[in-house]
N, C-alpha and C. Protein backbone atom coordinates (compact mmCIF):
# COMPACT_ATOMS: atom_id res chain seq x y z
N MET A 1 178.03 115.78 108.39
CA MET A 1 179.34 116.47 108.36
C MET A 1 179.14 117.49 107.30
N LYS A 2 179.56 118.65 107.63
CA LYS A 2 179.55 119.81 106.74
C LYS A 2 180.34 119.60 105.39
N HIS A 3 181.42 119.04 105.56
CA HIS A 3 182.50 119.05 104.47
C HIS A 3 182.69 117.36 104.27
N GLY A 4 181.65 116.76 103.66
CA GLY A 4 181.62 115.27 103.29
C GLY A 4 182.11 115.06 102.03
N LYS A 5 181.87 113.74 101.51
CA LYS A 5 182.40 113.22 100.22
C LYS A 5 182.14 114.20 99.03
N ILE A 6 180.78 114.73 98.93
CA ILE A 6 180.49 115.55 97.76
C ILE A 6 181.31 116.76 97.74
N TYR A 7 181.52 117.43 98.89
CA TYR A 7 182.36 118.60 99.12
C TYR A 7 183.76 118.39 98.63
N TRP A 8 184.37 117.31 98.98
CA TRP A 8 185.84 117.10 98.67
C TRP A 8 185.89 116.70 97.08
N GLU A 9 184.96 115.83 96.57
CA GLU A 9 184.99 115.41 95.20
C GLU A 9 184.88 116.87 94.37
N ASN A 10 183.97 117.75 94.75
CA ASN A 10 183.89 118.94 94.02
C ASN A 10 185.18 119.77 94.17
N ARG A 11 185.84 119.90 95.18
CA ARG A 11 187.19 120.53 95.36
C ARG A 11 188.13 120.00 94.31
N TYR A 12 188.22 118.70 94.09
CA TYR A 12 189.08 118.13 93.19
C TYR A 12 188.85 118.41 91.70
N LYS A 13 187.37 118.26 91.56
CA LYS A 13 186.98 118.41 90.17
C LYS A 13 187.08 119.95 89.71
N ASN A 14 187.04 120.79 90.67
CA ASN A 14 187.07 122.22 90.37
C ASN A 14 188.60 122.79 90.49
N ASN A 15 189.50 121.92 90.81
CA ASN A 15 190.86 122.25 90.91
C ASN A 15 191.03 123.30 92.08
N SER A 16 190.22 123.17 93.02
CA SER A 16 190.20 124.07 94.24
C SER A 16 190.93 123.28 95.49
N THR A 17 192.36 123.19 95.03
CA THR A 17 193.17 122.34 95.98
C THR A 17 194.46 123.25 96.30
N GLY A 18 194.10 124.31 96.93
CA GLY A 18 195.20 125.25 97.46
C GLY A 18 196.25 124.59 98.37
N TRP A 19 195.86 123.47 98.98
CA TRP A 19 196.89 122.85 99.96
C TRP A 19 197.89 121.94 99.18
N ASP A 20 197.42 121.60 98.00
CA ASP A 20 198.33 120.68 97.21
C ASP A 20 199.66 121.34 96.76
N LEU A 21 200.71 120.93 97.24
CA LEU A 21 202.14 121.46 96.91
C LEU A 21 202.56 120.96 95.61
N GLY A 22 202.09 119.78 95.04
CA GLY A 22 202.63 119.35 93.83
C GLY A 22 203.91 118.40 94.11
N HIS A 23 204.31 118.28 95.40
CA HIS A 23 205.38 117.43 95.73
C HIS A 23 205.29 117.02 97.21
N PRO A 24 206.01 116.07 97.79
CA PRO A 24 205.95 115.73 99.12
C PRO A 24 206.45 117.01 100.00
N SER A 25 205.78 117.26 101.00
CA SER A 25 206.16 118.42 101.87
C SER A 25 207.56 118.13 102.52
N LEU A 26 208.38 119.28 102.69
CA LEU A 26 209.76 118.98 103.32
C LEU A 26 209.61 118.38 104.55
N PRO A 27 208.61 118.84 105.58
CA PRO A 27 208.64 118.09 106.92
C PRO A 27 208.38 116.60 106.78
N LEU A 28 207.56 116.30 105.88
CA LEU A 28 207.16 114.83 105.60
C LEU A 28 208.36 113.91 105.15
N THR A 29 209.08 114.57 104.15
CA THR A 29 210.19 113.82 103.68
C THR A 29 211.25 113.72 104.68
N HIS A 30 211.46 114.72 105.58
CA HIS A 30 212.19 114.62 106.65
C HIS A 30 211.88 113.35 107.62
N ILE A 31 210.71 113.37 107.96
CA ILE A 31 210.10 112.38 108.87
C ILE A 31 210.50 110.96 108.17
N ILE A 32 209.99 110.96 106.99
CA ILE A 32 210.18 109.59 106.15
C ILE A 32 211.66 109.21 106.02
N ASP A 33 212.54 110.07 105.82
CA ASP A 33 213.91 109.85 105.66
C ASP A 33 214.65 109.28 106.97
N ASN A 34 213.81 109.52 108.16
CA ASN A 34 214.18 109.07 109.37
C ASN A 34 213.68 107.84 109.94
N LEU A 35 212.75 107.26 109.14
CA LEU A 35 212.09 105.95 109.42
C LEU A 35 213.15 104.72 109.03
N ARG A 36 213.19 103.84 109.90
CA ARG A 36 214.18 102.78 109.71
C ARG A 36 213.50 101.51 109.21
N ASP A 37 212.23 101.13 109.70
CA ASP A 37 211.73 99.98 109.28
C ASP A 37 210.73 100.01 108.06
N LYS A 38 211.38 99.49 107.02
CA LYS A 38 210.69 99.59 105.63
C LYS A 38 209.36 98.79 105.63
N ASN A 39 209.20 97.81 106.61
CA ASN A 39 207.94 97.05 106.58
C ASN A 39 206.94 97.63 107.47
N SER A 40 207.13 98.73 108.17
CA SER A 40 206.04 99.43 108.91
C SER A 40 204.82 99.61 108.19
N LYS A 41 203.72 99.31 108.87
CA LYS A 41 202.47 99.59 108.17
C LYS A 41 202.04 101.00 108.50
N ILE A 42 201.93 101.73 107.35
CA ILE A 42 201.71 103.15 107.44
C ILE A 42 200.46 103.60 106.82
N LEU A 43 199.68 104.51 107.49
CA LEU A 43 198.52 105.01 107.02
C LEU A 43 198.67 106.50 106.75
N ILE A 44 198.11 107.07 105.52
CA ILE A 44 198.02 108.33 105.33
C ILE A 44 196.63 108.70 105.13
N PRO A 45 195.99 109.25 106.24
CA PRO A 45 194.54 109.63 106.07
C PRO A 45 194.29 110.99 105.38
N GLY A 46 193.21 111.08 104.55
CA GLY A 46 192.91 112.38 103.93
C GLY A 46 194.00 112.55 102.99
N ALA A 47 194.46 111.57 102.29
CA ALA A 47 195.76 111.62 101.47
C ALA A 47 195.82 112.45 100.35
N GLY A 48 194.67 112.72 99.62
CA GLY A 48 194.67 113.65 98.58
C GLY A 48 195.58 112.90 97.55
N ASN A 49 196.32 113.79 96.78
CA ASN A 49 197.25 113.31 95.80
C ASN A 49 198.53 112.52 96.39
N SER A 50 198.52 112.65 97.50
CA SER A 50 199.64 111.89 98.42
C SER A 50 200.98 111.64 97.80
N TYR A 51 201.61 112.80 97.56
CA TYR A 51 203.05 112.69 97.15
C TYR A 51 203.86 112.18 98.19
N GLU A 52 203.51 112.06 99.45
CA GLU A 52 204.28 111.52 100.47
C GLU A 52 204.02 109.99 100.41
N ALA A 53 203.05 109.35 99.86
CA ALA A 53 202.96 108.04 99.73
C ALA A 53 203.85 107.67 98.53
N ILE A 54 203.93 108.42 97.46
CA ILE A 54 204.75 108.18 96.30
C ILE A 54 206.30 108.19 96.84
N TYR A 55 206.62 109.16 97.60
CA TYR A 55 207.94 109.24 98.28
C TYR A 55 208.22 107.96 98.98
N LEU A 56 207.32 107.50 99.90
CA LEU A 56 207.45 106.26 100.70
C LEU A 56 207.75 105.04 99.86
N ILE A 57 206.91 104.87 98.76
CA ILE A 57 207.22 103.77 97.84
C ILE A 57 208.42 103.80 97.12
N GLU A 58 208.92 104.99 96.67
CA GLU A 58 210.01 105.13 95.99
C GLU A 58 211.30 105.02 96.91
N SER A 59 211.07 105.26 98.28
CA SER A 59 211.95 105.16 99.21
C SER A 59 212.06 103.61 99.78
N GLY A 60 211.28 102.73 99.31
CA GLY A 60 211.27 101.21 99.66
C GLY A 60 210.50 100.68 100.66
N PHE A 61 209.51 101.48 101.11
CA PHE A 61 208.51 101.19 102.12
C PHE A 61 207.63 100.19 101.34
N LYS A 62 207.22 99.12 102.23
CA LYS A 62 206.47 97.89 101.56
C LYS A 62 205.03 97.86 102.03
N ASN A 63 204.55 98.75 102.89
CA ASN A 63 203.19 98.62 103.42
C ASN A 63 202.51 99.91 103.66
N VAL A 64 202.12 100.57 102.66
CA VAL A 64 201.67 101.99 102.73
C VAL A 64 200.13 102.00 102.27
N THR A 65 199.24 102.50 103.15
CA THR A 65 197.82 102.71 102.75
C THR A 65 197.53 104.13 102.71
N VAL A 66 196.86 104.49 101.56
CA VAL A 66 196.27 106.03 101.67
C VAL A 66 194.87 105.79 101.50
N LEU A 67 194.27 106.77 102.26
CA LEU A 67 192.88 106.94 102.61
C LEU A 67 192.36 108.22 102.13
N ASP A 68 191.37 108.25 101.50
CA ASP A 68 190.63 109.50 101.25
C ASP A 68 189.16 109.37 100.84
N ILE A 69 188.28 110.22 101.33
CA ILE A 69 186.94 110.22 101.06
C ILE A 69 186.63 110.37 99.52
N ALA A 70 187.48 111.15 98.86
CA ALA A 70 187.29 111.45 97.47
C ALA A 70 187.92 110.46 96.53
N SER A 71 187.40 110.02 95.37
CA SER A 71 187.99 109.05 94.43
C SER A 71 188.96 109.74 93.61
N GLN A 72 188.84 110.97 93.10
CA GLN A 72 189.68 111.36 91.94
C GLN A 72 191.20 111.25 92.36
N PRO A 73 191.69 111.72 93.55
CA PRO A 73 193.14 111.52 93.78
C PRO A 73 193.55 110.07 93.88
N LEU A 74 192.73 109.34 94.40
CA LEU A 74 193.04 107.83 94.62
C LEU A 74 193.24 107.20 93.15
N GLU A 75 192.32 107.51 92.36
CA GLU A 75 192.35 106.97 90.93
C GLU A 75 193.67 107.14 90.24
N SER A 76 194.28 108.36 90.31
CA SER A 76 195.41 108.70 89.73
C SER A 76 196.64 108.13 90.39
N LEU A 77 196.48 107.85 91.59
CA LEU A 77 197.58 107.13 92.43
C LEU A 77 197.53 105.69 92.05
N LYS A 78 196.45 105.26 91.85
CA LYS A 78 196.28 103.74 91.55
C LYS A 78 196.81 103.36 90.14
N LYS A 79 196.59 104.35 89.19
CA LYS A 79 197.11 104.22 87.83
C LYS A 79 198.65 104.17 87.84
N LYS A 80 199.31 105.08 88.69
CA LYS A 80 200.63 105.28 88.64
C LYS A 80 201.33 103.99 89.27
N PHE A 81 200.67 103.37 90.35
CA PHE A 81 201.28 102.17 91.02
C PHE A 81 200.33 100.87 90.86
N LEU A 82 199.86 100.78 89.57
CA LEU A 82 199.02 99.74 89.22
C LEU A 82 199.56 98.33 89.56
N LEU A 83 200.77 98.13 89.24
CA LEU A 83 201.42 96.79 89.68
C LEU A 83 202.30 96.72 90.86
N ASN A 84 201.97 97.66 91.87
CA ASN A 84 202.85 97.69 92.95
C ASN A 84 202.07 97.31 94.35
N ASP A 85 202.33 96.17 94.83
CA ASP A 85 201.52 95.64 95.84
C ASP A 85 201.85 96.40 97.21
N ASN A 86 202.90 97.20 97.16
CA ASN A 86 203.24 97.74 98.40
C ASN A 86 202.28 99.02 98.89
N LEU A 87 201.56 99.50 97.84
CA LEU A 87 200.67 100.65 98.15
C LEU A 87 199.17 100.10 97.96
N LYS A 88 198.31 100.33 98.93
CA LYS A 88 196.97 100.23 98.96
C LYS A 88 196.23 101.43 98.91
N THR A 89 195.19 101.64 98.06
CA THR A 89 194.37 102.87 98.16
C THR A 89 192.96 102.42 98.55
N VAL A 90 192.42 103.36 99.56
CA VAL A 90 191.19 103.07 100.10
C VAL A 90 190.27 104.21 100.03
N GLN A 91 189.08 104.22 99.42
CA GLN A 91 188.24 105.18 99.35
C GLN A 91 187.27 105.05 100.59
N ASP A 92 187.30 105.87 101.54
CA ASP A 92 186.39 105.62 102.78
C ASP A 92 186.48 106.78 103.59
N ASP A 93 185.50 106.87 104.50
CA ASP A 93 185.40 107.90 105.55
C ASP A 93 186.41 107.39 106.66
N PHE A 94 187.36 108.20 107.01
CA PHE A 94 188.39 107.90 108.03
C PHE A 94 187.78 107.30 109.22
N PHE A 95 186.58 107.86 109.64
CA PHE A 95 185.97 107.39 110.84
C PHE A 95 185.34 106.01 110.75
N GLN A 96 185.20 105.57 109.58
CA GLN A 96 184.60 104.14 109.34
C GLN A 96 185.76 103.17 109.10
N HIS A 97 186.98 103.62 108.89
CA HIS A 97 188.05 102.77 108.41
C HIS A 97 188.46 101.86 109.52
N THR A 98 188.94 100.58 109.17
CA THR A 98 189.29 99.65 110.11
C THR A 98 190.67 99.08 109.68
N GLY A 99 191.49 98.76 110.57
CA GLY A 99 192.79 98.36 110.28
C GLY A 99 193.73 98.57 111.44
N LYS A 100 195.00 98.06 111.39
CA LYS A 100 196.06 98.41 112.39
C LYS A 100 197.29 98.79 111.80
N TYR A 101 197.80 99.95 112.30
CA TYR A 101 199.09 100.57 111.71
C TYR A 101 200.08 100.82 112.79
N ASP A 102 201.35 100.87 112.13
CA ASP A 102 202.40 101.25 113.15
C ASP A 102 202.65 102.83 113.08
N LEU A 103 202.16 103.53 112.11
CA LEU A 103 202.40 104.86 111.93
C LEU A 103 201.37 105.51 111.13
N ILE A 104 200.75 106.72 111.70
CA ILE A 104 199.91 107.51 110.82
C ILE A 104 200.52 108.70 110.46
N LEU A 105 200.68 108.97 109.21
CA LEU A 105 201.38 110.23 108.81
C LEU A 105 200.37 111.34 108.71
N GLU A 106 200.44 112.47 109.34
CA GLU A 106 199.51 113.55 109.39
C GLU A 106 200.13 114.74 108.67
N GLN A 107 199.35 115.19 107.58
CA GLN A 107 199.76 116.32 106.76
C GLN A 107 198.80 117.33 106.86
N THR A 108 197.71 117.28 106.15
CA THR A 108 196.77 118.44 106.12
C THR A 108 195.34 117.89 106.73
N PHE A 109 195.19 116.58 107.05
CA PHE A 109 193.86 116.02 107.41
C PHE A 109 193.33 116.58 108.52
N PHE A 110 194.09 116.55 109.60
CA PHE A 110 193.50 117.04 110.92
C PHE A 110 192.85 118.37 110.71
N CYS A 111 193.48 119.32 110.22
CA CYS A 111 193.05 120.67 110.04
C CYS A 111 192.13 120.80 108.82
N ALA A 112 191.72 119.78 108.13
CA ALA A 112 190.63 119.84 107.09
C ALA A 112 189.27 119.40 107.81
N LEU A 113 189.49 118.79 108.85
CA LEU A 113 188.21 118.49 109.79
C LEU A 113 187.63 119.48 110.45
N GLU A 114 186.31 119.70 110.52
CA GLU A 114 185.69 120.66 111.42
C GLU A 114 186.17 120.39 112.91
N THR A 115 186.47 121.50 113.64
CA THR A 115 186.97 121.26 114.93
C THR A 115 186.14 120.36 115.87
N ARG A 116 184.90 120.24 115.73
CA ARG A 116 184.01 119.38 116.45
C ARG A 116 184.43 117.95 116.39
N PHE A 117 185.19 117.55 115.29
CA PHE A 117 185.73 116.20 115.12
C PHE A 117 187.04 115.87 115.59
N ARG A 118 187.67 116.84 116.24
CA ARG A 118 189.06 116.68 116.61
C ARG A 118 189.29 115.58 117.66
N GLU A 119 188.41 115.48 118.69
CA GLU A 119 188.54 114.51 119.67
C GLU A 119 188.30 113.00 119.06
N SER A 120 187.23 113.03 118.12
CA SER A 120 186.99 111.80 117.35
C SER A 120 188.17 111.26 116.64
N TYR A 121 188.81 112.30 115.93
CA TYR A 121 190.03 112.07 115.14
C TYR A 121 191.10 111.40 116.00
N ILE A 122 191.39 111.86 117.32
CA ILE A 122 192.43 111.38 118.15
C ILE A 122 192.02 110.12 118.65
N LYS A 123 190.83 109.84 118.85
CA LYS A 123 190.31 108.48 119.36
C LYS A 123 190.47 107.42 118.24
N LYS A 124 190.17 107.85 117.10
CA LYS A 124 190.30 106.98 116.01
C LYS A 124 191.74 106.62 115.64
N CYS A 125 192.59 107.66 115.60
CA CYS A 125 194.03 107.34 115.47
C CYS A 125 194.52 106.38 116.57
N HIS A 126 194.13 106.52 117.71
CA HIS A 126 194.51 105.68 118.91
C HIS A 126 193.99 104.22 118.52
N ASP A 127 192.74 104.10 118.17
CA ASP A 127 192.14 102.74 117.78
C ASP A 127 192.86 102.00 116.57
N LEU A 128 193.32 102.89 115.58
CA LEU A 128 193.92 102.29 114.41
C LEU A 128 195.51 101.94 114.62
N LEU A 129 195.99 102.38 115.70
CA LEU A 129 197.52 102.28 115.84
C LEU A 129 197.82 101.02 116.67
N ASN A 130 198.75 100.17 116.32
CA ASN A 130 199.35 99.18 117.19
C ASN A 130 199.86 99.64 118.40
N GLU A 131 200.14 98.76 119.28
CA GLU A 131 200.93 99.08 120.47
C GLU A 131 202.11 99.85 120.20
N ASN A 132 202.52 100.85 120.82
CA ASN A 132 203.66 101.67 120.44
C ASN A 132 203.67 102.32 119.11
N GLY A 133 202.39 102.38 118.58
CA GLY A 133 202.31 103.11 117.35
C GLY A 133 202.42 104.68 117.53
N HIS A 134 202.73 105.38 116.38
CA HIS A 134 202.98 106.79 116.40
C HIS A 134 202.04 107.65 115.45
N VAL A 135 201.79 108.91 115.71
CA VAL A 135 201.19 109.80 114.78
C VAL A 135 202.36 110.81 114.46
N LYS A 136 202.83 110.95 113.34
CA LYS A 136 203.86 111.86 113.05
C LYS A 136 203.51 112.73 111.95
N GLY A 137 203.92 113.96 111.91
CA GLY A 137 203.67 114.78 110.75
C GLY A 137 203.66 116.30 111.35
N VAL A 138 202.70 117.14 110.66
CA VAL A 138 202.68 118.53 111.07
C VAL A 138 201.12 118.84 111.23
N LEU A 139 200.99 119.91 112.02
CA LEU A 139 199.64 120.49 112.40
C LEU A 139 199.84 122.03 112.20
N PHE A 140 198.83 122.55 111.65
CA PHE A 140 198.80 124.04 111.44
C PHE A 140 198.87 124.70 112.89
N ASP A 141 199.70 125.73 113.04
CA ASP A 141 199.75 126.41 114.24
C ASP A 141 199.61 127.94 114.00
N PHE A 142 198.40 128.35 113.93
CA PHE A 142 198.08 129.87 113.89
C PHE A 142 196.55 129.95 114.03
N ASP A 143 196.08 131.08 114.66
CA ASP A 143 194.70 131.14 114.94
C ASP A 143 194.00 132.11 113.99
N SER A 144 192.99 131.55 113.58
CA SER A 144 192.10 132.27 112.64
C SER A 144 190.62 131.82 112.71
N GLN A 145 189.61 132.62 112.41
CA GLN A 145 188.24 132.22 112.45
C GLN A 145 187.85 131.90 111.05
N ARG A 146 187.90 130.58 110.70
CA ARG A 146 187.64 130.18 109.29
C ARG A 146 186.31 129.39 109.28
N THR A 147 185.63 129.49 108.12
CA THR A 147 184.54 128.77 107.86
C THR A 147 184.69 127.64 106.85
N GLU A 148 185.84 127.60 106.51
CA GLU A 148 186.30 126.58 105.42
C GLU A 148 187.49 125.93 105.84
N PRO A 149 187.88 124.77 105.43
CA PRO A 149 189.28 124.18 105.70
C PRO A 149 190.43 125.11 105.13
N PRO A 150 191.59 125.23 105.82
CA PRO A 150 191.95 124.49 107.01
C PRO A 150 191.47 125.23 108.20
N TYR A 151 190.96 124.41 109.13
CA TYR A 151 190.66 124.85 110.58
C TYR A 151 191.86 124.92 111.28
N THR A 152 192.34 125.98 111.98
CA THR A 152 193.61 126.11 112.70
C THR A 152 193.46 125.88 114.04
N GLY A 153 194.49 126.11 114.79
CA GLY A 153 194.63 126.09 116.25
C GLY A 153 195.89 126.32 116.67
N ASN A 154 196.22 125.91 117.95
CA ASN A 154 197.66 126.23 118.52
C ASN A 154 198.15 125.14 119.35
N LYS A 155 199.28 125.28 119.63
CA LYS A 155 200.03 124.22 120.35
C LYS A 155 199.29 123.86 121.67
N GLU A 156 199.00 124.87 122.50
CA GLU A 156 198.33 124.62 123.79
C GLU A 156 197.14 123.86 123.65
N GLU A 157 196.25 124.18 122.59
CA GLU A 157 195.04 123.41 122.34
C GLU A 157 195.32 121.91 121.97
N TYR A 158 196.30 121.95 121.08
CA TYR A 158 196.53 120.53 120.66
C TYR A 158 197.13 119.64 121.80
N ILE A 159 197.98 120.22 122.57
CA ILE A 159 198.45 119.38 123.81
C ILE A 159 197.35 118.86 124.53
N LYS A 160 196.41 119.76 124.90
CA LYS A 160 195.24 119.31 125.75
C LYS A 160 194.32 118.19 125.12
N LEU A 161 194.28 118.34 123.75
CA LEU A 161 193.53 117.22 123.12
C LEU A 161 194.30 115.84 122.99
N PHE A 162 195.45 115.91 122.59
CA PHE A 162 196.27 114.77 122.43
C PHE A 162 196.67 113.93 123.57
N GLU A 163 197.02 114.72 124.77
CA GLU A 163 197.72 114.15 125.90
C GLU A 163 196.87 113.10 126.53
N LYS A 164 195.60 113.11 126.30
CA LYS A 164 194.71 112.05 126.92
C LYS A 164 195.04 110.72 126.31
N LYS A 165 195.32 110.51 125.07
CA LYS A 165 195.56 109.29 124.47
C LYS A 165 197.00 109.08 123.99
N PHE A 166 197.80 110.07 123.97
CA PHE A 166 199.19 109.97 123.38
C PHE A 166 200.20 110.66 124.28
N ASP A 167 201.41 109.97 124.20
CA ASP A 167 202.50 110.71 124.90
C ASP A 167 203.09 111.59 123.81
N ILE A 168 203.30 112.81 124.05
CA ILE A 168 203.68 113.78 123.15
C ILE A 168 205.29 113.90 123.25
N ILE A 169 205.96 113.19 122.38
CA ILE A 169 207.34 113.09 122.19
C ILE A 169 207.85 114.58 121.70
N GLU A 170 207.18 115.05 120.57
CA GLU A 170 207.59 116.30 119.98
C GLU A 170 206.37 117.09 119.51
N MET A 171 206.41 118.26 119.78
CA MET A 171 205.37 119.20 119.28
C MET A 171 206.02 120.61 119.21
N ASN A 172 206.65 120.90 118.25
CA ASN A 172 207.68 122.06 118.26
C ASN A 172 207.49 122.83 116.85
N ARG A 173 207.75 124.00 116.79
CA ARG A 173 207.78 124.77 115.71
C ARG A 173 208.57 124.15 114.48
N CYS A 174 208.11 123.90 113.42
CA CYS A 174 208.68 123.20 112.24
C CYS A 174 209.68 124.05 111.80
N GLN A 175 211.00 123.40 111.69
CA GLN A 175 212.05 124.23 111.06
C GLN A 175 212.27 124.02 109.38
N THR A 176 211.53 122.97 109.01
CA THR A 176 211.60 122.69 107.52
C THR A 176 210.47 122.89 106.71
N SER A 177 209.53 123.81 107.09
CA SER A 177 208.29 124.00 106.37
C SER A 177 208.54 124.62 105.03
N GLU A 178 207.52 124.42 104.20
CA GLU A 178 207.65 124.98 102.89
C GLU A 178 207.47 126.49 103.09
N ASN A 179 207.99 127.30 102.14
CA ASN A 179 207.98 128.64 102.29
C ASN A 179 206.53 129.36 102.57
N SER A 180 205.55 128.84 101.92
CA SER A 180 204.23 129.20 102.11
C SER A 180 203.61 128.87 103.42
N ARG A 181 204.30 128.01 104.28
CA ARG A 181 203.80 127.53 105.46
C ARG A 181 204.86 127.83 106.62
N LYS A 182 205.94 128.50 106.34
CA LYS A 182 206.80 128.92 107.44
C LYS A 182 206.26 129.60 108.60
N GLY A 183 206.54 129.20 109.78
CA GLY A 183 206.12 129.88 110.98
C GLY A 183 204.59 129.47 111.26
N LYS A 184 204.01 128.51 110.61
CA LYS A 184 202.61 128.20 110.65
C LYS A 184 202.45 126.60 110.93
N GLU A 185 203.47 126.01 111.19
CA GLU A 185 203.33 124.55 111.38
C GLU A 185 204.11 124.04 112.66
N LEU A 186 203.58 123.06 113.36
CA LEU A 186 204.12 122.38 114.33
C LEU A 186 204.55 121.03 113.82
N LEU A 187 205.82 120.42 114.05
CA LEU A 187 206.18 119.16 113.83
C LEU A 187 205.75 118.30 115.03
N ILE A 188 205.13 117.19 114.77
CA ILE A 188 204.66 116.26 115.72
C ILE A 188 205.27 114.95 115.55
N ASN A 189 205.25 114.37 116.92
CA ASN A 189 205.61 112.89 117.10
C ASN A 189 204.88 112.54 118.37
N MET A 190 203.77 111.71 118.14
CA MET A 190 203.04 111.30 119.31
C MET A 190 203.00 109.82 119.39
N LYS A 191 203.24 109.22 120.56
CA LYS A 191 203.20 107.75 120.83
C LYS A 191 201.98 107.37 121.52
N LYS A 192 201.31 106.38 120.94
CA LYS A 192 200.06 105.80 121.64
C LYS A 192 200.28 105.41 123.07
N LYS A 193 199.37 105.91 124.03
CA LYS A 193 199.50 105.39 125.33
C LYS A 193 198.92 104.14 125.48
């Protein structure tokens, strides 16, 4: 993998984290605010500093797992929630992770993966989800030829990729994007087939 553990550790060490908003993103808070079951098993892959996980815990969710290949952001999250059993931090490669979840929250992880891993990501999400499980979040929706993350794409491409394993309930232009991402995100809700 071109961008493995060492690459991401260095990005955090060098403060090269341009994707980090410093707070939970508006689309994700909107999704979280509309979740009803506080006991849902939730996974946030490629979680980074995971402001969304903090928001989930502060909103009363009881079973949140954050997963990242880099240790630095997980360490700071662990310190903040040292005595909170509702949050689990896991340093691991997403593709090696095991478990079963009701919801996978997607923020910037999918587009951080090289495009050759997209089908593997979809298969892994499908494997990690319980029956009737969902992937919800946002995907970047603009075309560019990048050699570094984020790797972009478009709605038509994503539909072709995801529809093999998921019923696409929603994949529309996000109306609640942060200013820096306006017009560049799709709000997604996909149910495991």
